[in-house]
N, C-alpha and C. Protein backbone atom coordinates (compact mmCIF):
# COMPACT_ATOMS: atom_id res chain seq x y z
N MET A 1 14.99 32.11 41.40
CA MET A 1 14.91 32.89 40.18
C MET A 1 16.09 32.55 39.28
N ARG A 2 15.83 32.23 38.02
CA ARG A 2 16.89 31.98 37.05
C ARG A 2 17.23 33.26 36.31
N GLU A 3 18.51 33.50 36.11
CA GLU A 3 18.95 34.65 35.34
C GLU A 3 19.54 34.17 34.02
N LEU A 4 19.10 34.79 32.94
CA LEU A 4 19.58 34.46 31.61
C LEU A 4 20.24 35.69 30.99
N ALA A 5 21.40 35.50 30.39
CA ALA A 5 22.05 36.60 29.66
C ALA A 5 21.43 36.70 28.27
N VAL A 6 21.54 37.89 27.69
CA VAL A 6 21.05 38.13 26.32
C VAL A 6 22.27 38.54 25.49
N PRO A 7 22.99 37.57 24.95
CA PRO A 7 24.25 37.89 24.26
C PRO A 7 24.04 38.37 22.83
N CYS A 8 25.01 39.17 22.38
CA CYS A 8 25.10 39.61 20.99
C CYS A 8 26.54 39.31 20.55
N TYR A 9 26.73 39.01 19.27
CA TYR A 9 28.04 38.57 18.81
C TYR A 9 28.47 39.35 17.56
N VAL A 10 29.75 39.70 17.54
CA VAL A 10 30.38 40.26 16.36
C VAL A 10 31.23 39.17 15.73
N ILE A 11 30.93 38.84 14.48
CA ILE A 11 31.67 37.80 13.76
C ILE A 11 32.59 38.50 12.77
N GLU A 12 33.90 38.32 12.95
CA GLU A 12 34.88 38.92 12.05
C GLU A 12 35.39 37.85 11.08
N HIS A 13 35.22 38.10 9.80
CA HIS A 13 35.65 37.17 8.76
C HIS A 13 36.40 37.99 7.71
N PRO A 14 37.39 37.40 7.03
CA PRO A 14 38.12 38.18 6.02
C PRO A 14 37.23 38.81 4.96
N ARG A 15 36.03 38.25 4.75
CA ARG A 15 35.15 38.77 3.71
C ARG A 15 34.03 39.66 4.24
N GLY A 16 34.04 39.91 5.53
CA GLY A 16 33.00 40.79 6.04
C GLY A 16 32.79 40.65 7.53
N ARG A 17 32.04 41.60 8.10
CA ARG A 17 31.75 41.62 9.53
C ARG A 17 30.25 41.42 9.72
N MET A 18 29.90 40.58 10.67
CA MET A 18 28.50 40.22 10.91
C MET A 18 28.11 40.53 12.35
N LEU A 19 26.88 41.01 12.54
CA LEU A 19 26.28 41.10 13.86
C LEU A 19 25.24 39.98 13.97
N TRP A 20 25.39 39.18 15.02
CA TRP A 20 24.43 38.10 15.29
C TRP A 20 23.68 38.44 16.58
N ASP A 21 22.41 38.68 16.46
CA ASP A 21 21.49 39.05 17.53
C ASP A 21 21.75 40.48 18.04
N GLY A 22 20.66 41.11 18.48
CA GLY A 22 20.73 42.52 18.81
C GLY A 22 20.34 42.89 20.23
N GLY A 23 20.06 41.89 21.09
CA GLY A 23 19.84 42.18 22.50
C GLY A 23 18.57 42.95 22.79
N LEU A 24 18.54 43.52 23.97
CA LEU A 24 17.37 44.24 24.48
C LEU A 24 17.28 45.66 23.90
N PRO A 25 16.09 46.25 23.90
CA PRO A 25 15.94 47.63 23.44
C PRO A 25 16.81 48.59 24.26
N SER A 26 17.48 49.49 23.58
CA SER A 26 18.40 50.42 24.25
C SER A 26 17.70 51.29 25.29
N ALA A 27 16.43 51.59 25.08
CA ALA A 27 15.71 52.47 26.00
C ALA A 27 15.66 51.91 27.41
N LEU A 28 15.81 50.61 27.56
CA LEU A 28 15.75 50.00 28.89
C LEU A 28 16.91 50.46 29.77
N ALA A 29 18.01 50.88 29.15
CA ALA A 29 19.19 51.28 29.93
C ALA A 29 18.97 52.61 30.65
N SER A 30 17.96 53.36 30.25
CA SER A 30 17.73 54.67 30.87
C SER A 30 17.07 54.55 32.24
N THR A 31 16.56 53.35 32.57
CA THR A 31 15.94 53.12 33.87
C THR A 31 16.75 52.08 34.62
N PRO A 32 17.32 52.43 35.77
CA PRO A 32 18.14 51.46 36.51
C PRO A 32 17.29 50.35 37.11
N GLY A 33 17.95 49.22 37.34
CA GLY A 33 17.26 48.10 37.98
C GLY A 33 16.44 47.28 37.01
N ARG A 34 15.71 46.33 37.56
CA ARG A 34 14.90 45.42 36.74
C ARG A 34 13.56 46.05 36.38
N GLN A 35 13.10 45.71 35.18
CA GLN A 35 11.82 46.18 34.70
C GLN A 35 11.01 45.00 34.19
N GLY A 36 9.71 45.02 34.42
CA GLY A 36 8.86 43.95 33.96
C GLY A 36 8.87 43.84 32.45
N ASP A 37 8.83 42.59 31.95
CA ASP A 37 8.87 42.38 30.51
C ASP A 37 7.49 42.11 29.92
N GLY A 38 6.45 42.20 30.75
CA GLY A 38 5.10 41.99 30.27
C GLY A 38 4.69 40.54 30.21
N GLY A 39 5.60 39.64 30.52
CA GLY A 39 5.29 38.21 30.46
C GLY A 39 5.56 37.49 31.76
N GLY A 40 5.67 38.23 32.84
CA GLY A 40 5.93 37.61 34.13
C GLY A 40 7.39 37.59 34.54
N GLY A 41 8.27 38.04 33.66
CA GLY A 41 9.68 38.10 33.99
C GLY A 41 10.14 39.53 34.17
N ALA A 42 11.43 39.71 34.35
CA ALA A 42 12.00 41.05 34.51
C ALA A 42 13.31 41.12 33.75
N VAL A 43 13.63 42.29 33.22
CA VAL A 43 14.85 42.47 32.45
C VAL A 43 15.62 43.66 32.98
N ARG A 44 16.92 43.64 32.71
CA ARG A 44 17.79 44.74 33.13
C ARG A 44 18.84 44.96 32.06
N LEU A 45 19.07 46.21 31.70
CA LEU A 45 20.09 46.54 30.71
C LEU A 45 21.03 47.58 31.31
N ASN A 46 22.26 47.17 31.57
CA ASN A 46 23.23 48.07 32.19
C ASN A 46 23.91 48.97 31.18
N GLN A 47 24.21 48.43 30.00
CA GLN A 47 24.84 49.19 28.93
C GLN A 47 24.17 48.85 27.62
N THR A 48 23.95 49.84 26.79
CA THR A 48 23.39 49.57 25.47
C THR A 48 24.41 48.84 24.61
N LEU A 49 23.93 48.20 23.56
CA LEU A 49 24.85 47.55 22.64
C LEU A 49 25.77 48.57 21.98
N ALA A 50 25.24 49.75 21.67
CA ALA A 50 26.08 50.79 21.06
C ALA A 50 27.24 51.15 21.97
N GLN A 51 26.99 51.24 23.28
CA GLN A 51 28.06 51.56 24.22
C GLN A 51 29.10 50.44 24.28
N GLN A 52 28.63 49.20 24.25
CA GLN A 52 29.56 48.08 24.30
C GLN A 52 30.38 47.98 23.02
N LEU A 53 29.76 48.27 21.87
CA LEU A 53 30.50 48.26 20.62
C LEU A 53 31.56 49.35 20.59
N ALA A 54 31.27 50.49 21.20
CA ALA A 54 32.24 51.58 21.22
C ALA A 54 33.55 51.16 21.88
N ALA A 55 33.44 50.26 22.86
CA ALA A 55 34.65 49.75 23.51
C ALA A 55 35.49 48.90 22.57
N LEU A 56 34.88 48.43 21.47
CA LEU A 56 35.59 47.66 20.45
C LEU A 56 35.92 48.53 19.23
N ASN A 57 35.73 49.85 19.38
CA ASN A 57 35.93 50.79 18.28
C ASN A 57 35.01 50.49 17.09
N LEU A 58 33.78 50.08 17.41
CA LEU A 58 32.77 49.79 16.40
C LEU A 58 31.51 50.58 16.73
N ASP A 59 30.61 50.65 15.75
CA ASP A 59 29.30 51.24 16.00
C ASP A 59 28.25 50.41 15.26
N LEU A 60 27.00 50.81 15.36
CA LEU A 60 25.91 50.03 14.78
C LEU A 60 25.81 50.16 13.27
N GLY A 61 26.71 50.91 12.68
CA GLY A 61 26.78 50.99 11.23
C GLY A 61 27.97 50.25 10.66
N ALA A 62 28.62 49.43 11.48
CA ALA A 62 29.89 48.81 11.08
C ALA A 62 29.75 47.42 10.50
N PHE A 63 28.50 46.99 10.20
CA PHE A 63 28.29 45.59 9.83
C PHE A 63 27.87 45.44 8.37
N ASP A 64 28.49 44.46 7.72
CA ASP A 64 28.13 44.15 6.35
C ASP A 64 26.85 43.33 6.29
N VAL A 65 26.68 42.45 7.26
CA VAL A 65 25.48 41.62 7.34
C VAL A 65 25.00 41.58 8.78
N VAL A 66 23.69 41.43 8.94
CA VAL A 66 23.07 41.35 10.26
C VAL A 66 22.07 40.20 10.23
N ALA A 67 22.06 39.42 11.29
CA ALA A 67 21.07 38.34 11.39
C ALA A 67 20.66 38.19 12.85
N PHE A 68 19.41 37.88 13.04
CA PHE A 68 18.87 37.62 14.37
C PHE A 68 18.43 36.16 14.43
N SER A 69 18.66 35.54 15.57
CA SER A 69 18.18 34.16 15.71
C SER A 69 16.67 34.11 15.53
N HIS A 70 15.99 35.15 16.01
CA HIS A 70 14.54 35.29 15.83
C HIS A 70 14.14 36.71 16.22
N MET A 71 12.87 37.03 16.06
CA MET A 71 12.44 38.41 16.14
C MET A 71 11.79 38.79 17.47
N HIS A 72 12.06 38.08 18.54
CA HIS A 72 11.55 38.47 19.85
C HIS A 72 12.29 39.71 20.36
N PHE A 73 11.65 40.42 21.30
CA PHE A 73 12.14 41.74 21.71
C PHE A 73 13.54 41.70 22.29
N ASP A 74 13.93 40.59 22.93
CA ASP A 74 15.24 40.52 23.57
C ASP A 74 16.34 40.08 22.61
N HIS A 75 16.01 39.99 21.33
CA HIS A 75 17.01 39.65 20.31
C HIS A 75 17.09 40.69 19.20
N VAL A 76 16.08 41.56 19.09
CA VAL A 76 16.07 42.57 18.02
C VAL A 76 15.97 43.98 18.59
N GLY A 77 16.37 44.16 19.83
CA GLY A 77 16.16 45.44 20.51
C GLY A 77 16.77 46.63 19.80
N ILE A 78 17.86 46.43 19.08
CA ILE A 78 18.54 47.56 18.42
C ILE A 78 18.27 47.61 16.93
N ALA A 79 17.31 46.83 16.45
CA ALA A 79 17.09 46.70 15.00
C ALA A 79 16.89 48.04 14.33
N ASN A 80 16.14 48.94 14.94
CA ASN A 80 15.86 50.24 14.32
C ASN A 80 17.04 51.20 14.39
N GLU A 81 18.08 50.84 15.13
CA GLU A 81 19.26 51.69 15.27
C GLU A 81 20.37 51.33 14.28
N LEU A 82 20.21 50.24 13.57
CA LEU A 82 21.27 49.79 12.67
C LEU A 82 21.51 50.80 11.56
N GLY A 83 22.77 50.95 11.18
CA GLY A 83 23.13 51.93 10.17
C GLY A 83 23.47 51.33 8.83
N GLY A 84 22.96 50.15 8.54
CA GLY A 84 23.26 49.50 7.27
C GLY A 84 23.47 48.02 7.46
N GLY A 85 23.88 47.35 6.42
CA GLY A 85 24.09 45.91 6.47
C GLY A 85 22.89 45.17 5.91
N THR A 86 23.14 44.04 5.28
CA THR A 86 22.09 43.21 4.71
C THR A 86 21.52 42.29 5.77
N LEU A 87 20.21 42.27 5.88
CA LEU A 87 19.52 41.41 6.83
C LEU A 87 19.38 40.01 6.24
N LEU A 88 19.79 39.00 7.00
CA LEU A 88 19.63 37.60 6.62
C LEU A 88 18.54 37.00 7.50
N ILE A 89 17.44 36.58 6.90
CA ILE A 89 16.29 36.13 7.67
C ILE A 89 15.57 35.02 6.92
N GLN A 90 15.10 34.01 7.66
CA GLN A 90 14.33 32.93 7.06
C GLN A 90 12.99 33.46 6.54
N ARG A 91 12.53 32.90 5.45
CA ARG A 91 11.29 33.37 4.85
C ARG A 91 10.11 33.29 5.83
N ALA A 92 10.02 32.20 6.58
CA ALA A 92 8.91 32.05 7.53
C ALA A 92 8.95 33.12 8.60
N GLU A 93 10.16 33.49 9.04
CA GLU A 93 10.29 34.53 10.06
C GLU A 93 9.95 35.90 9.47
N HIS A 94 10.41 36.14 8.27
CA HIS A 94 10.11 37.40 7.59
C HIS A 94 8.61 37.58 7.39
N ASP A 95 7.95 36.51 6.96
CA ASP A 95 6.50 36.60 6.74
C ASP A 95 5.77 36.86 8.05
N ALA A 96 6.18 36.17 9.12
CA ALA A 96 5.53 36.35 10.42
C ALA A 96 5.79 37.73 10.99
N ALA A 97 6.93 38.31 10.66
CA ALA A 97 7.31 39.60 11.22
C ALA A 97 6.73 40.78 10.45
N PHE A 98 6.60 40.64 9.12
CA PHE A 98 6.29 41.81 8.30
C PHE A 98 5.01 41.71 7.47
N ALA A 99 4.52 40.51 7.21
CA ALA A 99 3.37 40.38 6.33
C ALA A 99 2.14 41.04 6.94
N ASP A 100 1.33 41.66 6.11
CA ASP A 100 0.11 42.30 6.59
C ASP A 100 -0.80 41.27 7.25
N GLY A 101 -1.24 41.59 8.46
CA GLY A 101 -2.13 40.71 9.18
C GLY A 101 -1.44 39.55 9.89
N ALA A 102 -0.13 39.41 9.68
CA ALA A 102 0.59 38.31 10.33
C ALA A 102 0.83 38.62 11.80
N ALA A 103 0.89 37.59 12.58
CA ALA A 103 1.15 37.74 14.01
C ALA A 103 1.83 36.49 14.53
N ALA A 104 2.78 36.67 15.41
CA ALA A 104 3.45 35.55 16.07
C ALA A 104 3.66 35.95 17.52
N PRO A 105 3.58 35.00 18.45
CA PRO A 105 3.75 35.33 19.87
C PRO A 105 5.08 36.03 20.14
N GLY A 106 5.03 37.14 20.84
CA GLY A 106 6.25 37.82 21.24
C GLY A 106 6.83 38.78 20.23
N PHE A 107 6.22 38.92 19.04
CA PHE A 107 6.74 39.85 18.04
C PHE A 107 6.14 41.24 18.28
N ASP A 108 7.01 42.25 18.30
CA ASP A 108 6.58 43.63 18.46
C ASP A 108 7.14 44.42 17.29
N ARG A 109 6.33 44.68 16.29
CA ARG A 109 6.80 45.28 15.04
C ARG A 109 7.43 46.64 15.25
N LYS A 110 7.04 47.36 16.29
CA LYS A 110 7.61 48.69 16.54
C LYS A 110 9.12 48.60 16.76
N LEU A 111 9.60 47.48 17.26
CA LEU A 111 11.02 47.35 17.57
C LEU A 111 11.88 47.14 16.34
N TYR A 112 11.30 46.67 15.26
CA TYR A 112 12.12 46.34 14.10
C TYR A 112 11.54 46.85 12.78
N ASP A 113 10.56 47.71 12.84
CA ASP A 113 9.92 48.15 11.60
C ASP A 113 10.88 48.89 10.67
N GLY A 114 11.95 49.46 11.24
CA GLY A 114 12.94 50.13 10.42
C GLY A 114 13.65 49.19 9.46
N LEU A 115 13.59 47.89 9.71
CA LEU A 115 14.23 46.92 8.83
C LEU A 115 13.48 46.75 7.51
N ARG A 116 12.26 47.27 7.43
CA ARG A 116 11.51 47.15 6.17
C ARG A 116 12.30 47.74 5.00
N ALA A 117 13.00 48.82 5.27
CA ALA A 117 13.73 49.51 4.20
C ALA A 117 15.15 48.98 4.02
N ALA A 118 15.57 48.06 4.87
CA ALA A 118 16.94 47.55 4.79
C ALA A 118 17.06 46.51 3.69
N PRO A 119 18.22 46.42 3.05
CA PRO A 119 18.43 45.33 2.10
C PRO A 119 18.34 44.00 2.84
N ALA A 120 17.71 43.02 2.23
CA ALA A 120 17.50 41.74 2.90
C ALA A 120 17.73 40.59 1.95
N GLN A 121 18.24 39.51 2.50
CA GLN A 121 18.35 38.25 1.77
C GLN A 121 17.43 37.26 2.48
N ILE A 122 16.39 36.83 1.80
CA ILE A 122 15.41 35.92 2.38
C ILE A 122 15.90 34.49 2.18
N LEU A 123 15.98 33.75 3.27
CA LEU A 123 16.54 32.40 3.24
C LEU A 123 15.43 31.36 3.30
N ASP A 124 15.67 30.26 2.62
CA ASP A 124 14.76 29.12 2.66
C ASP A 124 15.52 27.89 3.17
N GLY A 125 16.13 28.04 4.34
CA GLY A 125 16.91 26.94 4.90
C GLY A 125 18.32 27.39 5.23
N ASP A 126 19.25 26.45 5.23
CA ASP A 126 20.62 26.72 5.64
C ASP A 126 21.34 27.60 4.62
N HIS A 127 22.34 28.33 5.13
CA HIS A 127 23.04 29.29 4.27
C HIS A 127 24.50 29.40 4.71
N ASP A 128 25.42 29.16 3.76
CA ASP A 128 26.85 29.33 3.99
C ASP A 128 27.19 30.79 3.69
N LEU A 129 27.41 31.56 4.73
CA LEU A 129 27.45 33.01 4.59
C LEU A 129 28.57 33.51 3.69
N PHE A 130 29.78 32.98 3.87
CA PHE A 130 30.92 33.47 3.10
C PHE A 130 31.44 32.44 2.10
N GLY A 131 30.74 31.34 1.96
CA GLY A 131 31.07 30.35 0.94
C GLY A 131 32.22 29.43 1.27
N ASP A 132 32.74 29.47 2.51
CA ASP A 132 33.86 28.61 2.87
C ASP A 132 33.56 27.70 4.06
N GLY A 133 32.32 27.66 4.51
CA GLY A 133 31.93 26.77 5.59
C GLY A 133 32.25 27.27 6.98
N ARG A 134 32.86 28.44 7.10
CA ARG A 134 33.25 28.92 8.43
C ARG A 134 32.09 29.50 9.21
N VAL A 135 31.16 30.14 8.50
CA VAL A 135 30.02 30.79 9.16
C VAL A 135 28.75 30.34 8.42
N ARG A 136 27.93 29.56 9.10
CA ARG A 136 26.75 28.99 8.45
C ARG A 136 25.50 29.26 9.29
N ILE A 137 24.49 29.80 8.65
CA ILE A 137 23.18 29.91 9.28
C ILE A 137 22.45 28.58 9.05
N ILE A 138 21.89 28.04 10.14
CA ILE A 138 21.17 26.77 10.05
C ILE A 138 19.73 27.01 10.49
N ALA A 139 18.80 26.68 9.63
CA ALA A 139 17.39 26.83 9.97
C ALA A 139 17.03 25.94 11.14
N ALA A 140 16.36 26.51 12.14
CA ALA A 140 16.01 25.78 13.36
C ALA A 140 14.64 26.25 13.86
N PRO A 141 13.59 26.07 13.06
CA PRO A 141 12.27 26.59 13.44
C PRO A 141 11.69 25.85 14.63
N GLY A 142 10.74 26.50 15.27
CA GLY A 142 10.06 25.90 16.42
C GLY A 142 9.80 26.91 17.50
N HIS A 143 10.85 27.56 17.97
CA HIS A 143 10.64 28.62 18.96
C HIS A 143 9.82 29.74 18.32
N THR A 144 10.18 30.10 17.11
CA THR A 144 9.40 31.00 16.25
C THR A 144 9.33 30.35 14.88
N PRO A 145 8.50 30.88 13.97
CA PRO A 145 8.33 30.21 12.68
C PRO A 145 9.62 30.03 11.88
N GLY A 146 10.55 31.01 11.99
CA GLY A 146 11.78 30.93 11.21
C GLY A 146 13.02 31.10 12.07
N HIS A 147 12.99 30.56 13.28
CA HIS A 147 14.16 30.61 14.15
C HIS A 147 15.36 30.00 13.43
N GLN A 148 16.55 30.56 13.69
CA GLN A 148 17.77 30.05 13.07
C GLN A 148 18.92 30.11 14.07
N VAL A 149 19.93 29.26 13.86
CA VAL A 149 21.12 29.25 14.71
C VAL A 149 22.33 29.50 13.82
N LEU A 150 23.46 29.81 14.47
CA LEU A 150 24.67 30.15 13.72
C LEU A 150 25.80 29.20 14.09
N PHE A 151 26.32 28.51 13.09
CA PHE A 151 27.51 27.67 13.22
C PHE A 151 28.72 28.51 12.86
N VAL A 152 29.72 28.55 13.76
CA VAL A 152 30.95 29.31 13.50
C VAL A 152 32.14 28.41 13.78
N ARG A 153 33.05 28.31 12.83
CA ARG A 153 34.27 27.53 13.02
C ARG A 153 35.41 28.49 13.30
N LEU A 154 35.90 28.46 14.55
CA LEU A 154 36.93 29.39 15.00
C LEU A 154 38.32 28.79 14.88
N ALA A 155 39.31 29.66 14.67
CA ALA A 155 40.67 29.19 14.45
C ALA A 155 41.24 28.49 15.67
N GLU A 156 40.99 29.03 16.87
CA GLU A 156 41.64 28.51 18.07
C GLU A 156 40.83 27.45 18.79
N THR A 157 39.52 27.57 18.78
CA THR A 157 38.69 26.66 19.58
C THR A 157 37.85 25.70 18.75
N GLY A 158 37.87 25.86 17.44
CA GLY A 158 37.07 24.97 16.60
C GLY A 158 35.63 25.42 16.49
N PRO A 159 34.72 24.49 16.16
CA PRO A 159 33.33 24.87 15.88
C PRO A 159 32.52 25.12 17.14
N ILE A 160 31.65 26.12 17.05
CA ILE A 160 30.66 26.39 18.09
C ILE A 160 29.33 26.67 17.40
N VAL A 161 28.24 26.57 18.15
CA VAL A 161 26.92 26.91 17.66
C VAL A 161 26.31 27.96 18.58
N LEU A 162 25.93 29.09 18.02
CA LEU A 162 25.21 30.13 18.75
C LEU A 162 23.73 29.83 18.54
N SER A 163 23.10 29.30 19.59
CA SER A 163 21.82 28.59 19.39
C SER A 163 20.58 29.43 19.65
N GLY A 164 20.75 30.75 19.91
CA GLY A 164 19.57 31.58 20.12
C GLY A 164 18.70 31.02 21.22
N ASP A 165 17.41 30.86 20.93
CA ASP A 165 16.48 30.28 21.90
C ASP A 165 15.98 28.92 21.43
N LEU A 166 16.83 28.21 20.69
CA LEU A 166 16.46 26.85 20.31
C LEU A 166 16.14 26.05 21.57
N TYR A 167 17.04 26.16 22.55
CA TYR A 167 16.80 25.65 23.90
C TYR A 167 17.31 26.70 24.88
N HIS A 168 16.68 26.77 26.05
CA HIS A 168 17.06 27.77 27.04
C HIS A 168 18.00 27.23 28.11
N PHE A 169 18.01 25.91 28.32
CA PHE A 169 18.84 25.31 29.36
C PHE A 169 19.55 24.09 28.80
N ALA A 170 20.73 23.78 29.36
CA ALA A 170 21.53 22.67 28.85
C ALA A 170 20.79 21.34 28.91
N VAL A 171 19.93 21.18 29.88
CA VAL A 171 19.22 19.91 30.06
C VAL A 171 18.02 19.77 29.13
N SER A 172 17.60 20.85 28.51
CA SER A 172 16.37 20.83 27.71
C SER A 172 16.37 19.80 26.58
N PRO A 173 17.48 19.63 25.81
CA PRO A 173 17.44 18.63 24.74
C PRO A 173 17.21 17.21 25.27
N GLN A 174 17.84 16.89 26.40
CA GLN A 174 17.67 15.55 26.94
C GLN A 174 16.24 15.32 27.43
N LEU A 175 15.67 16.34 28.05
CA LEU A 175 14.30 16.21 28.56
C LEU A 175 13.25 16.49 27.49
N ARG A 176 13.70 17.00 26.34
CA ARG A 176 12.79 17.36 25.24
C ARG A 176 11.72 18.33 25.73
N ARG A 177 12.16 19.35 26.44
CA ARG A 177 11.25 20.36 26.96
C ARG A 177 11.51 21.70 26.29
N VAL A 178 10.45 22.33 25.88
CA VAL A 178 10.53 23.66 25.27
C VAL A 178 9.49 24.55 25.93
N PRO A 179 9.64 25.87 25.84
CA PRO A 179 8.67 26.77 26.46
C PRO A 179 7.27 26.60 25.87
N PRO A 180 6.24 26.82 26.66
CA PRO A 180 4.87 26.67 26.15
C PRO A 180 4.51 27.67 25.06
N PHE A 181 5.28 28.77 24.96
CA PHE A 181 4.98 29.76 23.94
C PHE A 181 5.71 29.49 22.63
N ASN A 182 6.45 28.37 22.52
CA ASN A 182 6.99 28.00 21.22
C ASN A 182 5.86 27.82 20.22
N VAL A 183 6.10 28.18 18.97
CA VAL A 183 5.06 27.97 17.96
C VAL A 183 4.96 26.50 17.55
N ASP A 184 6.01 25.71 17.85
CA ASP A 184 6.00 24.29 17.53
C ASP A 184 6.86 23.58 18.57
N ALA A 185 6.33 22.56 19.21
CA ALA A 185 7.04 21.87 20.29
C ALA A 185 7.95 20.77 19.77
N VAL A 186 7.77 20.32 18.53
CA VAL A 186 8.50 19.17 18.02
C VAL A 186 9.72 19.57 17.20
N ARG A 187 9.59 20.61 16.41
CA ARG A 187 10.64 20.96 15.46
C ARG A 187 11.98 21.34 16.10
N PRO A 188 12.03 21.94 17.32
CA PRO A 188 13.35 22.20 17.91
C PRO A 188 14.20 20.94 18.07
N SER A 189 13.61 19.81 18.39
CA SER A 189 14.38 18.57 18.52
C SER A 189 14.98 18.16 17.19
N ARG A 190 14.22 18.32 16.11
CA ARG A 190 14.75 18.01 14.79
C ARG A 190 15.87 18.97 14.41
N ALA A 191 15.68 20.24 14.73
CA ALA A 191 16.69 21.24 14.42
C ALA A 191 17.97 20.99 15.20
N CYS A 192 17.83 20.57 16.45
CA CYS A 192 19.00 20.26 17.27
C CYS A 192 19.81 19.15 16.62
N GLY A 193 19.12 18.14 16.10
CA GLY A 193 19.81 17.06 15.41
C GLY A 193 20.53 17.56 14.18
N ALA A 194 19.97 18.53 13.48
CA ALA A 194 20.58 19.05 12.26
C ALA A 194 21.88 19.78 12.57
N TRP A 195 21.88 20.66 13.59
CA TRP A 195 23.12 21.37 13.83
C TRP A 195 24.16 20.49 14.51
N ARG A 196 23.73 19.49 15.26
CA ARG A 196 24.70 18.53 15.81
C ARG A 196 25.40 17.76 14.68
N ALA A 197 24.64 17.40 13.66
CA ALA A 197 25.23 16.71 12.52
C ALA A 197 26.23 17.61 11.80
N CYS A 198 25.88 18.88 11.66
CA CYS A 198 26.79 19.84 11.04
C CYS A 198 28.06 19.97 11.86
N TRP A 199 27.92 20.03 13.17
CA TRP A 199 29.09 20.17 14.05
C TRP A 199 30.00 18.96 13.95
N ARG A 200 29.41 17.74 13.95
CA ARG A 200 30.22 16.53 13.86
C ARG A 200 30.97 16.47 12.54
N LYS A 201 30.31 16.91 11.46
CA LYS A 201 30.91 16.85 10.14
C LYS A 201 32.10 17.78 10.02
N ARG A 202 32.05 18.92 10.71
CA ARG A 202 33.05 19.96 10.50
C ARG A 202 34.03 20.15 11.65
N ARG A 203 33.88 19.40 12.73
CA ARG A 203 34.69 19.70 13.92
C ARG A 203 36.18 19.47 13.71
N ARG A 204 36.56 18.63 12.74
CA ARG A 204 37.97 18.36 12.51
C ARG A 204 38.61 19.32 11.52
N ARG A 205 37.79 20.18 10.94
CA ARG A 205 38.29 21.06 9.89
C ARG A 205 38.63 22.43 10.49
N CYS A 206 39.90 22.63 10.77
CA CYS A 206 40.34 23.88 11.41
C CYS A 206 41.03 24.77 10.38
N GLY A 207 41.95 25.62 10.85
CA GLY A 207 42.68 26.48 9.94
C GLY A 207 41.87 27.66 9.46
N SER A 208 41.10 28.27 10.35
CA SER A 208 40.24 29.40 9.98
C SER A 208 40.75 30.67 10.63
N SER A 209 40.47 31.80 9.99
CA SER A 209 40.82 33.09 10.60
C SER A 209 39.58 33.82 11.08
N THR A 210 38.47 33.11 11.21
CA THR A 210 37.26 33.73 11.73
C THR A 210 37.41 33.99 13.22
N SER A 211 36.93 35.15 13.69
CA SER A 211 36.95 35.45 15.11
C SER A 211 35.59 35.91 15.57
N LEU A 212 35.39 35.84 16.88
CA LEU A 212 34.09 36.15 17.46
C LEU A 212 34.29 36.98 18.70
N ARG A 213 33.47 38.03 18.83
CA ARG A 213 33.47 38.85 20.04
C ARG A 213 32.04 38.96 20.54
N SER A 214 31.89 38.88 21.85
CA SER A 214 30.54 38.82 22.42
C SER A 214 30.32 39.99 23.36
N SER A 215 29.07 40.48 23.37
CA SER A 215 28.63 41.43 24.39
C SER A 215 27.33 40.93 24.94
N SER A 216 26.95 41.39 26.11
CA SER A 216 25.75 40.88 26.76
C SER A 216 24.87 42.01 27.21
N SER A 217 23.60 41.93 26.82
CA SER A 217 22.63 42.93 27.24
C SER A 217 22.10 42.61 28.61
């Protein structure tokens, strides 16, 4: 049995605070042990994201911007609990998640329907969040219609990419293997090339005060 973590990240930048990904639904924490996910797997939530944020003296209303790599249940579990912040989402993902009659594998509108009333910035590709190249959303469709990854250039360790579910295992890019439930089997390879190019271009450019804190559902 393979175990996968479901991480969430707090991005601290001088111009604002960002939440990247929202983990599993908080209600799962009320039942101890593993619970079936409806797809043949099992999930476990020991602490809600709200509880983990409290340890950082933060809450779910502390974010200026919020973005999810994609809208599957294990990435948007706390979407309806958010207390503000502008949603950054690719147009294709937004249409698949909210458009009347739209459907995408693994999307459960009940988990994120509260975002309908939230301020949103609809993206049509890559986006430099704060205008200085330190935090960049990179379009990476394939797993879902508007999947996206996050490039972050950190002061101490340099650039990293928070890749969502672009690939699930380190060997996947070399083997060119993606899950059968991806909406497109080819585009993740192209997206991987795009963020690798971004990383190579920016890896020598340091001197940033951006910081990152992670929690795991």
